[in-house]
């Protein structure tokens, strides 16, 4: 956010609703479900859907436990994990569409800005992240992002 000219302020989550209501902060960044269920739309007039964060969950299993599974079991695990991921993405997208519509009905202005100017301004952020995450990791990650956009 700083790379885009924002002034970042940390607010304890239980205090965020009141901070928005009293204009202590102008905005917040959270998943749609968090914004909806915490009723931030009551005290925040605008919502920009930028899709700049993808939050995922992964199945994790130790190599020791994985080795105990038979190849057919490993295959089932992989297939069902992939199916569960596809199901959850579809369910979350439907839920978000419904929540966004309800927030708009409640008076929140929802925008879907052109992301090209945002992407163009991110150079300093990528450099900063590269210093602690490794420049090669940033390059690899950005390749994944670009491949996903195709």
N, C-alpha and C. Protein backbone atom coordinates (compact mmCIF):
# COMPACT_ATOMS: atom_id res chain seq x y z
N UNK A 1 0.83 -1.20 0.00
CA UNK A 1 0.00 0.00 0.00
C UNK A 1 0.86 1.25 0.00
N UNK A 2 2.00 1.17 0.69
CA UNK A 2 2.91 2.32 0.70
C UNK A 2 3.43 2.61 -0.69
N UNK A 3 3.69 1.56 -1.49
CA UNK A 3 4.18 1.75 -2.85
C UNK A 3 3.16 2.48 -3.71
N UNK A 4 1.90 2.41 -3.31
CA UNK A 4 0.83 3.08 -4.05
C UNK A 4 0.46 4.43 -3.46
N UNK A 5 1.23 4.87 -2.46
CA UNK A 5 0.99 6.19 -1.88
C UNK A 5 0.14 6.18 -0.63
N UNK A 6 -0.21 5.00 -0.15
CA UNK A 6 -1.03 4.91 1.06
C UNK A 6 -0.19 5.08 2.31
N UNK A 7 -0.83 5.57 3.34
CA UNK A 7 -0.20 5.67 4.65
C UNK A 7 -0.75 4.50 5.47
N UNK A 8 0.11 3.57 5.78
CA UNK A 8 -0.31 2.35 6.45
C UNK A 8 -0.33 2.56 7.96
N UNK A 9 -1.44 2.19 8.57
CA UNK A 9 -1.60 2.29 10.01
C UNK A 9 -2.12 0.97 10.53
N UNK A 10 -1.53 0.48 11.58
CA UNK A 10 -2.00 -0.75 12.19
C UNK A 10 -3.06 -0.42 13.23
N UNK A 11 -4.18 -1.11 13.11
CA UNK A 11 -5.29 -0.94 14.05
C UNK A 11 -5.64 -2.33 14.58
N UNK A 12 -5.79 -2.46 15.87
CA UNK A 12 -6.22 -3.75 16.43
C UNK A 12 -7.59 -4.08 15.84
N UNK A 13 -7.74 -5.32 15.38
CA UNK A 13 -8.96 -5.68 14.68
C UNK A 13 -10.23 -5.36 15.46
N UNK A 14 -10.31 -5.63 16.76
CA UNK A 14 -11.54 -5.29 17.49
C UNK A 14 -11.87 -3.79 17.49
N UNK A 15 -10.88 -2.96 17.18
CA UNK A 15 -11.08 -1.51 17.17
C UNK A 15 -11.33 -0.95 15.76
N UNK A 16 -11.26 -1.82 14.75
CA UNK A 16 -11.34 -1.34 13.37
C UNK A 16 -12.68 -0.71 13.02
N UNK A 17 -13.77 -1.33 13.42
CA UNK A 17 -15.09 -0.78 13.09
C UNK A 17 -15.19 0.66 13.60
N UNK A 18 -14.84 0.88 14.86
CA UNK A 18 -14.93 2.22 15.45
C UNK A 18 -13.94 3.17 14.79
N UNK A 19 -12.75 2.68 14.45
CA UNK A 19 -11.76 3.53 13.78
C UNK A 19 -12.28 4.01 12.43
N UNK A 20 -12.98 3.15 11.71
CA UNK A 20 -13.59 3.56 10.44
C UNK A 20 -14.74 4.54 10.68
N UNK A 21 -15.57 4.24 11.67
CA UNK A 21 -16.72 5.10 11.98
C UNK A 21 -16.29 6.50 12.39
N UNK A 22 -15.17 6.61 13.11
CA UNK A 22 -14.71 7.91 13.60
C UNK A 22 -13.68 8.56 12.68
N UNK A 23 -13.48 7.97 11.51
CA UNK A 23 -12.52 8.49 10.52
C UNK A 23 -11.08 8.54 11.04
N UNK A 24 -10.75 7.65 11.97
CA UNK A 24 -9.37 7.51 12.42
C UNK A 24 -8.55 6.94 11.25
N UNK A 25 -9.16 6.02 10.49
CA UNK A 25 -8.59 5.49 9.26
C UNK A 25 -9.63 5.64 8.15
N UNK A 26 -9.13 5.73 6.93
CA UNK A 26 -10.02 5.90 5.78
C UNK A 26 -10.47 4.59 5.17
N UNK A 27 -9.71 3.55 5.41
CA UNK A 27 -9.99 2.29 4.72
C UNK A 27 -9.37 1.14 5.51
N UNK A 28 -9.67 -0.06 5.03
CA UNK A 28 -9.10 -1.27 5.61
C UNK A 28 -8.96 -2.29 4.48
N UNK A 29 -8.17 -3.29 4.73
CA UNK A 29 -7.94 -4.33 3.73
C UNK A 29 -8.24 -5.68 4.36
N UNK A 30 -9.29 -6.31 3.87
CA UNK A 30 -9.70 -7.61 4.37
C UNK A 30 -10.43 -8.37 3.28
N UNK A 31 -10.57 -9.68 3.44
CA UNK A 31 -11.38 -10.44 2.49
C UNK A 31 -12.83 -9.98 2.53
N UNK A 32 -13.54 -10.21 1.45
CA UNK A 32 -14.94 -9.79 1.33
C UNK A 32 -15.77 -10.33 2.50
N UNK A 33 -15.61 -11.59 2.83
CA UNK A 33 -16.40 -12.18 3.92
C UNK A 33 -16.15 -11.47 5.25
N UNK A 34 -14.93 -11.06 5.49
CA UNK A 34 -14.60 -10.36 6.74
C UNK A 34 -15.28 -8.98 6.74
N UNK A 35 -15.22 -8.30 5.62
CA UNK A 35 -15.85 -6.98 5.50
C UNK A 35 -17.35 -7.11 5.72
N UNK A 36 -17.95 -8.11 5.09
CA UNK A 36 -19.39 -8.30 5.19
C UNK A 36 -19.82 -8.70 6.61
N UNK A 37 -19.23 -9.74 7.14
CA UNK A 37 -19.68 -10.27 8.43
C UNK A 37 -19.37 -9.35 9.61
N UNK A 38 -18.38 -8.47 9.45
CA UNK A 38 -18.08 -7.50 10.50
C UNK A 38 -18.78 -6.17 10.26
N UNK A 39 -19.60 -6.12 9.22
CA UNK A 39 -20.43 -4.97 8.88
C UNK A 39 -19.63 -3.68 8.66
N UNK A 40 -18.42 -3.82 8.14
CA UNK A 40 -17.61 -2.64 7.84
C UNK A 40 -18.28 -1.77 6.78
N UNK A 41 -19.16 -2.38 5.98
CA UNK A 41 -19.89 -1.61 4.96
C UNK A 41 -20.79 -0.55 5.60
N UNK A 42 -21.09 -0.67 6.88
CA UNK A 42 -21.89 0.34 7.56
C UNK A 42 -21.10 1.63 7.79
N UNK A 43 -19.78 1.51 7.89
CA UNK A 43 -18.94 2.67 8.23
C UNK A 43 -17.88 2.97 7.17
N UNK A 44 -17.91 2.23 6.08
CA UNK A 44 -16.97 2.46 4.99
C UNK A 44 -17.78 2.61 3.71
N UNK A 45 -17.62 3.73 3.05
CA UNK A 45 -18.48 4.04 1.91
C UNK A 45 -18.06 3.36 0.61
N UNK A 46 -16.77 3.04 0.47
CA UNK A 46 -16.27 2.53 -0.80
C UNK A 46 -15.55 1.20 -0.63
N UNK A 47 -15.63 0.40 -1.68
CA UNK A 47 -14.93 -0.88 -1.73
C UNK A 47 -14.35 -1.03 -3.13
N UNK A 48 -13.05 -1.11 -3.23
CA UNK A 48 -12.38 -1.32 -4.51
C UNK A 48 -11.98 -2.79 -4.60
N UNK A 49 -12.51 -3.47 -5.59
CA UNK A 49 -12.19 -4.87 -5.79
C UNK A 49 -10.97 -4.97 -6.68
N UNK A 50 -9.83 -5.20 -6.07
CA UNK A 50 -8.56 -5.22 -6.81
C UNK A 50 -8.01 -6.61 -7.02
N UNK A 51 -8.44 -7.57 -6.23
CA UNK A 51 -7.93 -8.93 -6.37
C UNK A 51 -6.42 -9.03 -6.16
N UNK A 52 -5.88 -8.15 -5.34
CA UNK A 52 -4.42 -8.12 -5.17
C UNK A 52 -3.89 -9.17 -4.21
N UNK A 53 -4.78 -9.87 -3.54
CA UNK A 53 -4.34 -10.93 -2.62
C UNK A 53 -5.14 -12.18 -2.95
N UNK A 54 -4.43 -13.29 -3.01
CA UNK A 54 -5.10 -14.59 -3.15
C UNK A 54 -4.74 -15.40 -1.93
N UNK A 55 -5.72 -15.67 -1.11
CA UNK A 55 -5.48 -16.41 0.13
C UNK A 55 -5.88 -17.86 -0.12
N UNK A 56 -4.96 -18.75 0.10
CA UNK A 56 -5.29 -20.15 -0.15
C UNK A 56 -4.95 -21.01 1.07
N UNK A 57 -5.53 -22.15 1.06
CA UNK A 57 -5.25 -23.15 2.08
C UNK A 57 -4.63 -24.34 1.35
N UNK A 58 -3.71 -24.98 1.98
CA UNK A 58 -3.07 -26.14 1.36
C UNK A 58 -3.14 -27.34 2.31
N UNK A 59 -3.25 -28.49 1.71
CA UNK A 59 -3.15 -29.70 2.51
C UNK A 59 -1.68 -29.96 2.77
N UNK A 60 -1.37 -30.26 4.01
CA UNK A 60 0.00 -30.52 4.39
C UNK A 60 0.06 -31.89 5.07
N UNK A 61 1.05 -32.65 4.69
CA UNK A 61 1.23 -33.97 5.27
C UNK A 61 2.73 -34.22 5.40
N UNK A 62 3.15 -34.83 6.47
CA UNK A 62 4.57 -35.09 6.66
C UNK A 62 5.04 -36.14 5.65
N UNK A 63 6.29 -36.09 5.30
CA UNK A 63 6.83 -37.09 4.37
C UNK A 63 6.74 -38.49 4.98
N UNK A 64 6.87 -38.56 6.29
CA UNK A 64 6.78 -39.85 6.97
C UNK A 64 5.37 -40.45 6.81
N UNK A 65 4.35 -39.62 7.01
CA UNK A 65 2.96 -40.08 6.87
C UNK A 65 2.65 -40.37 5.41
N UNK A 66 3.12 -39.50 4.53
CA UNK A 66 2.88 -39.68 3.08
C UNK A 66 3.47 -41.02 2.62
N UNK A 67 4.63 -41.35 3.12
CA UNK A 67 5.29 -42.59 2.72
C UNK A 67 4.50 -43.83 3.17
N UNK A 68 3.69 -43.68 4.19
CA UNK A 68 2.87 -44.80 4.67
C UNK A 68 1.68 -45.08 3.75
N UNK A 69 1.32 -44.09 2.93
CA UNK A 69 0.19 -44.28 2.02
C UNK A 69 0.64 -45.09 0.81
N UNK A 70 -0.27 -45.90 0.31
CA UNK A 70 0.03 -46.64 -0.91
C UNK A 70 -0.06 -45.69 -2.10
N UNK A 71 0.55 -46.01 -3.22
CA UNK A 71 0.41 -45.15 -4.40
C UNK A 71 -1.05 -44.87 -4.77
N UNK A 72 -1.95 -45.86 -4.73
CA UNK A 72 -3.36 -45.52 -5.01
C UNK A 72 -3.95 -44.53 -4.00
N UNK A 73 -3.58 -44.66 -2.72
CA UNK A 73 -4.06 -43.71 -1.72
C UNK A 73 -3.50 -42.32 -1.98
N UNK A 74 -2.24 -42.24 -2.34
CA UNK A 74 -1.63 -40.94 -2.66
C UNK A 74 -2.36 -40.31 -3.85
N UNK A 75 -2.70 -41.13 -4.84
CA UNK A 75 -3.42 -40.63 -6.01
C UNK A 75 -4.78 -40.07 -5.60
N UNK A 76 -5.49 -40.81 -4.75
CA UNK A 76 -6.80 -40.35 -4.26
C UNK A 76 -6.64 -39.03 -3.51
N UNK A 77 -5.63 -38.96 -2.65
CA UNK A 77 -5.38 -37.74 -1.87
C UNK A 77 -5.17 -36.55 -2.81
N UNK A 78 -4.33 -36.73 -3.83
CA UNK A 78 -4.07 -35.64 -4.78
C UNK A 78 -5.34 -35.23 -5.54
N UNK A 79 -6.06 -36.23 -6.04
CA UNK A 79 -7.27 -35.95 -6.82
C UNK A 79 -8.33 -35.25 -5.98
N UNK A 80 -8.55 -35.75 -4.77
CA UNK A 80 -9.59 -35.17 -3.92
C UNK A 80 -9.19 -33.79 -3.41
N UNK A 81 -7.92 -33.58 -3.17
CA UNK A 81 -7.44 -32.25 -2.78
C UNK A 81 -7.71 -31.25 -3.91
N UNK A 82 -7.43 -31.66 -5.12
CA UNK A 82 -7.67 -30.79 -6.27
C UNK A 82 -9.17 -30.50 -6.44
N UNK A 83 -9.99 -31.55 -6.28
CA UNK A 83 -11.45 -31.37 -6.38
C UNK A 83 -11.98 -30.46 -5.28
N UNK A 84 -11.46 -30.64 -4.07
CA UNK A 84 -11.90 -29.79 -2.95
C UNK A 84 -11.53 -28.34 -3.20
N UNK A 85 -10.34 -28.11 -3.74
CA UNK A 85 -9.92 -26.75 -4.06
C UNK A 85 -10.82 -26.10 -5.08
N UNK A 86 -11.16 -26.84 -6.13
CA UNK A 86 -12.05 -26.30 -7.17
C UNK A 86 -13.43 -25.99 -6.59
N UNK A 87 -13.93 -26.90 -5.76
CA UNK A 87 -15.24 -26.69 -5.12
C UNK A 87 -15.22 -25.44 -4.25
N UNK A 88 -14.19 -25.30 -3.43
CA UNK A 88 -14.12 -24.15 -2.52
C UNK A 88 -13.98 -22.83 -3.29
N UNK A 89 -13.17 -22.81 -4.35
CA UNK A 89 -13.05 -21.57 -5.14
C UNK A 89 -14.41 -21.17 -5.69
N UNK A 90 -15.16 -22.14 -6.23
CA UNK A 90 -16.49 -21.86 -6.78
C UNK A 90 -17.44 -21.37 -5.69
N UNK A 91 -17.42 -22.04 -4.54
CA UNK A 91 -18.32 -21.66 -3.44
C UNK A 91 -17.99 -20.27 -2.92
N UNK A 92 -16.72 -19.99 -2.74
CA UNK A 92 -16.32 -18.67 -2.23
C UNK A 92 -16.66 -17.57 -3.21
N UNK A 93 -16.45 -17.82 -4.51
CA UNK A 93 -16.80 -16.80 -5.50
C UNK A 93 -18.29 -16.49 -5.48
N UNK A 94 -19.12 -17.52 -5.36
CA UNK A 94 -20.57 -17.32 -5.29
C UNK A 94 -20.95 -16.56 -4.02
N UNK A 95 -20.34 -16.95 -2.91
CA UNK A 95 -20.61 -16.29 -1.64
C UNK A 95 -20.19 -14.82 -1.70
N UNK A 96 -19.03 -14.55 -2.27
CA UNK A 96 -18.55 -13.17 -2.37
C UNK A 96 -19.48 -12.33 -3.25
N UNK A 97 -19.94 -12.89 -4.36
CA UNK A 97 -20.85 -12.15 -5.24
C UNK A 97 -22.11 -11.75 -4.48
N UNK A 98 -22.65 -12.67 -3.70
CA UNK A 98 -23.85 -12.39 -2.90
C UNK A 98 -23.56 -11.32 -1.83
N UNK A 99 -22.42 -11.43 -1.16
CA UNK A 99 -22.07 -10.47 -0.12
C UNK A 99 -21.83 -9.08 -0.71
N UNK A 100 -21.18 -9.01 -1.85
CA UNK A 100 -20.94 -7.72 -2.50
C UNK A 100 -22.27 -7.07 -2.88
N UNK A 101 -23.18 -7.86 -3.44
CA UNK A 101 -24.49 -7.33 -3.81
C UNK A 101 -25.24 -6.79 -2.59
N UNK A 102 -25.15 -7.50 -1.48
CA UNK A 102 -25.82 -7.04 -0.25
C UNK A 102 -25.18 -5.76 0.28
N UNK A 103 -23.87 -5.65 0.18
CA UNK A 103 -23.20 -4.43 0.66
C UNK A 103 -23.55 -3.25 -0.24
N UNK A 104 -23.63 -3.51 -1.55
CA UNK A 104 -24.05 -2.43 -2.46
C UNK A 104 -25.48 -1.99 -2.14
N UNK A 105 -26.34 -2.94 -1.88
CA UNK A 105 -27.72 -2.62 -1.51
C UNK A 105 -27.76 -1.80 -0.23
N UNK A 106 -26.79 -2.05 0.66
CA UNK A 106 -26.70 -1.30 1.91
C UNK A 106 -26.04 0.06 1.76
N UNK A 107 -25.66 0.43 0.53
CA UNK A 107 -25.13 1.77 0.29
C UNK A 107 -23.65 1.86 -0.01
N UNK A 108 -22.94 0.77 0.02
CA UNK A 108 -21.51 0.81 -0.27
C UNK A 108 -21.31 0.90 -1.78
N UNK A 109 -20.42 1.80 -2.18
CA UNK A 109 -20.08 1.94 -3.60
C UNK A 109 -18.94 0.96 -3.90
N UNK A 110 -19.18 0.05 -4.83
CA UNK A 110 -18.20 -0.96 -5.19
C UNK A 110 -17.63 -0.63 -6.56
N UNK A 111 -16.30 -0.59 -6.63
CA UNK A 111 -15.63 -0.31 -7.91
C UNK A 111 -14.69 -1.46 -8.26
N UNK A 112 -14.44 -1.57 -9.53
CA UNK A 112 -13.48 -2.55 -10.06
C UNK A 112 -12.49 -1.76 -10.91
N UNK A 113 -11.48 -1.18 -10.24
CA UNK A 113 -10.58 -0.27 -10.95
C UNK A 113 -9.68 -0.99 -11.96
N UNK A 114 -9.21 -0.19 -12.93
CA UNK A 114 -8.22 -0.68 -13.89
C UNK A 114 -6.94 -0.96 -13.09
N UNK A 115 -6.45 -2.17 -13.17
CA UNK A 115 -5.32 -2.57 -12.34
C UNK A 115 -3.97 -2.23 -12.95
N UNK A 116 -3.92 -1.88 -14.22
CA UNK A 116 -2.63 -1.61 -14.87
C UNK A 116 -1.82 -0.53 -14.16
N UNK A 117 -2.41 0.61 -13.77
CA UNK A 117 -1.61 1.61 -13.06
C UNK A 117 -1.10 1.12 -11.71
N UNK A 118 -1.88 0.30 -11.03
CA UNK A 118 -1.44 -0.25 -9.75
C UNK A 118 -0.25 -1.18 -9.95
N UNK A 119 -0.37 -2.05 -10.95
CA UNK A 119 0.72 -2.99 -11.23
C UNK A 119 2.00 -2.24 -11.61
N UNK A 120 1.85 -1.17 -12.38
CA UNK A 120 3.01 -0.41 -12.83
C UNK A 120 3.73 0.28 -11.67
N UNK A 121 3.00 0.58 -10.61
CA UNK A 121 3.58 1.30 -9.47
C UNK A 121 4.21 0.38 -8.42
N UNK A 122 4.15 -0.91 -8.62
CA UNK A 122 4.56 -1.85 -7.59
C UNK A 122 6.06 -2.14 -7.55
N UNK A 123 6.84 -1.61 -8.46
CA UNK A 123 8.28 -1.86 -8.49
C UNK A 123 8.97 -1.71 -7.14
N UNK A 124 8.79 -0.58 -6.45
CA UNK A 124 9.44 -0.41 -5.15
C UNK A 124 9.03 -1.48 -4.12
N UNK A 125 7.80 -1.91 -4.17
CA UNK A 125 7.34 -2.95 -3.23
C UNK A 125 8.03 -4.27 -3.55
N UNK A 126 8.12 -4.62 -4.82
CA UNK A 126 8.78 -5.87 -5.19
C UNK A 126 10.26 -5.84 -4.81
N UNK A 127 10.89 -4.69 -4.96
CA UNK A 127 12.30 -4.55 -4.56
C UNK A 127 12.44 -4.74 -3.05
N UNK A 128 11.56 -4.14 -2.31
CA UNK A 128 11.60 -4.24 -0.84
C UNK A 128 11.39 -5.68 -0.38
N UNK A 129 10.42 -6.35 -0.99
CA UNK A 129 10.14 -7.74 -0.65
C UNK A 129 11.31 -8.62 -1.07
N UNK A 130 11.89 -8.31 -2.21
CA UNK A 130 13.02 -9.08 -2.71
C UNK A 130 14.21 -9.07 -1.78
N UNK A 131 14.36 -8.01 -1.00
CA UNK A 131 15.49 -7.91 -0.07
C UNK A 131 15.42 -8.96 1.03
N UNK A 132 14.22 -9.32 1.45
CA UNK A 132 14.13 -10.33 2.50
C UNK A 132 13.66 -11.69 1.99
N UNK A 133 12.94 -11.71 0.88
CA UNK A 133 12.44 -12.99 0.35
C UNK A 133 13.36 -13.56 -0.72
N UNK A 134 14.23 -12.72 -1.25
CA UNK A 134 15.12 -13.16 -2.32
C UNK A 134 14.60 -12.74 -3.68
N UNK A 135 15.45 -12.09 -4.45
CA UNK A 135 15.02 -11.60 -5.77
C UNK A 135 14.60 -12.74 -6.69
N UNK A 136 15.29 -13.88 -6.62
CA UNK A 136 14.91 -15.02 -7.45
C UNK A 136 13.52 -15.52 -7.10
N UNK A 137 13.17 -15.48 -5.82
CA UNK A 137 11.83 -15.89 -5.41
C UNK A 137 10.77 -14.94 -5.95
N UNK A 138 11.07 -13.66 -5.95
CA UNK A 138 10.13 -12.68 -6.50
C UNK A 138 9.93 -12.92 -7.99
N UNK A 139 11.02 -13.14 -8.71
CA UNK A 139 10.91 -13.41 -10.15
C UNK A 139 10.09 -14.66 -10.42
N UNK A 140 10.33 -15.70 -9.64
CA UNK A 140 9.59 -16.95 -9.80
C UNK A 140 8.11 -16.72 -9.50
N UNK A 141 7.83 -16.01 -8.42
CA UNK A 141 6.44 -15.73 -8.04
C UNK A 141 5.74 -14.92 -9.14
N UNK A 142 6.42 -13.90 -9.65
CA UNK A 142 5.80 -13.06 -10.68
C UNK A 142 5.55 -13.86 -11.96
N UNK A 143 6.40 -14.82 -12.24
CA UNK A 143 6.15 -15.68 -13.40
C UNK A 143 4.87 -16.49 -13.18
N UNK A 144 4.69 -17.01 -11.96
CA UNK A 144 3.46 -17.73 -11.64
C UNK A 144 2.24 -16.83 -11.84
N UNK A 145 2.35 -15.60 -11.37
CA UNK A 145 1.24 -14.65 -11.49
C UNK A 145 0.92 -14.40 -12.96
N UNK A 146 1.95 -14.13 -13.75
CA UNK A 146 1.73 -13.86 -15.18
C UNK A 146 1.14 -15.08 -15.88
N UNK A 147 1.64 -16.26 -15.55
CA UNK A 147 1.09 -17.49 -16.16
C UNK A 147 -0.38 -17.67 -15.79
N UNK A 148 -0.74 -17.34 -14.56
CA UNK A 148 -2.13 -17.49 -14.11
C UNK A 148 -3.05 -16.50 -14.82
N UNK A 149 -2.54 -15.37 -15.24
CA UNK A 149 -3.37 -14.36 -15.91
C UNK A 149 -3.70 -14.77 -17.34
N UNK A 150 -2.96 -15.70 -17.89
CA UNK A 150 -3.17 -16.12 -19.30
C UNK A 150 -4.38 -16.97 -19.45
